Each structure stands twice: as structure tokens, then as C-alpha cells.
Amino acid sequence: MPKQSEYQYTIRKHILINKIQYDSLKVLENYGVNVSQFIRAAIKEKLQRDWNEIKESKKEKLPY
């Protein structure tokens, strides 16, 4: 059996969205956008942009 690549999508994370967000994603889908890939790219961009802030907030929570 071939080994699974660590980049292969095998883990599911379920999110809840509201009707407006759902309708927006449907519009993107109608324009031929791969919605799953779009969401992955948006998450990646957000993490890259905010990583330093996320990292700093973790340091402040340490009790010592």
C-alpha cells in the first residue's frame, strides 16, 4: 500500500456558517471557484498575517 502524504487531505474539521456566508460561497461556486481550496487559502493567509500576534498573546498568558 502506498504511504499517505502529510499534505493529503485526510482530517475533517467541521465549521458552522450562517445563511449569508453559505449564499456567498454558493455565488463563488457558481463562478467556478473551488470553495474548499478558497477556504484553505483564506485560513493560510489569515494565519500568516496574524501569527506574530497569536504567538505574543500566548506568551502573556503564562503565569511565570
Protein backbone atom coordinates (compact mmCIF):
# COMPACT_ATOMS: atom_id res chain seq x y z
CA MET A 1 0.00 0.00 0.00
CA PRO A 2 1.29 3.48 -0.77
CA LYS A 3 2.06 5.78 2.14
CA GLN A 4 -0.19 8.77 2.66
CA SER A 5 1.48 12.10 2.17
CA GLU A 6 1.28 14.54 5.06
CA TYR A 7 -0.14 17.01 2.53
CA GLN A 8 -3.04 14.74 1.58
CA TYR A 9 -6.38 15.90 2.99
CA THR A 10 -7.41 13.20 5.46
CA ILE A 11 -8.63 15.11 8.53
CA ARG A 12 -12.03 16.75 8.71
CA LYS A 13 -12.83 19.85 10.76
CA HIS A 14 -16.48 20.86 10.76
CA ILE A 15 -17.43 24.51 10.95
CA LEU A 16 -20.77 26.24 11.17
CA ILE A 17 -21.60 29.14 8.90
CA ASN A 18 -24.66 31.31 8.66
CA LYS A 19 -27.04 31.64 5.71
CA ILE A 20 -25.34 34.78 4.34
CA GLN A 21 -21.92 33.09 4.35
CA TYR A 22 -23.40 29.99 2.73
CA ASP A 23 -25.01 32.10 0.00
CA SER A 24 -21.69 33.89 -0.60
CA LEU A 25 -19.87 30.60 -1.01
CA LYS A 26 -22.56 29.40 -3.41
CA VAL A 27 -22.01 32.51 -5.56
CA LEU A 28 -18.27 31.76 -5.66
CA GLU A 29 -19.06 28.19 -6.61
CA ASN A 30 -21.27 29.43 -9.47
CA TYR A 31 -18.25 31.40 -10.76
CA GLY A 32 -16.21 28.19 -10.86
CA VAL A 33 -14.22 28.76 -7.67
CA ASN A 34 -13.22 25.65 -5.73
CA VAL A 35 -14.77 26.61 -2.38
CA SER A 36 -12.73 24.13 -0.32
CA GLN A 37 -9.47 25.42 -1.77
CA PHE A 38 -10.67 29.00 -1.30
CA ILE A 39 -11.33 28.39 2.40
CA ARG A 40 -7.96 26.67 2.89
CA ALA A 41 -6.17 29.60 1.21
CA ALA A 42 -8.08 32.12 3.35
CA ILE A 43 -7.13 30.28 6.56
CA LYS A 44 -3.49 30.09 5.48
CA GLU A 45 -3.40 33.81 4.64
CA LYS A 46 -5.04 34.75 7.95
CA LEU A 47 -2.58 32.65 9.96
CA GLN A 48 0.43 34.11 8.15
CA ARG A 49 -0.85 37.65 8.70
CA ASP A 50 -1.72 37.23 12.41
CA TRP A 51 0.82 34.64 13.58
CA ASN A 52 3.03 37.07 15.49
CA GLU A 53 0.03 38.47 17.35
CA ILE A 54 -1.23 34.97 18.17
CA LYS A 55 2.21 33.96 19.39
CA GLU A 56 2.53 37.06 21.61
CA SER A 57 -0.90 36.53 23.19
CA LYS A 58 0.17 33.01 24.18
CA LYS A 59 3.26 34.35 25.96
CA GLU A 60 1.19 36.79 28.06
CA LYS A 61 -0.96 34.01 29.49
CA LEU A 62 1.93 32.23 31.19
CA PRO A 63 1.75 32.63 35.00
CA TYR A 64 5.54 32.92 35.45
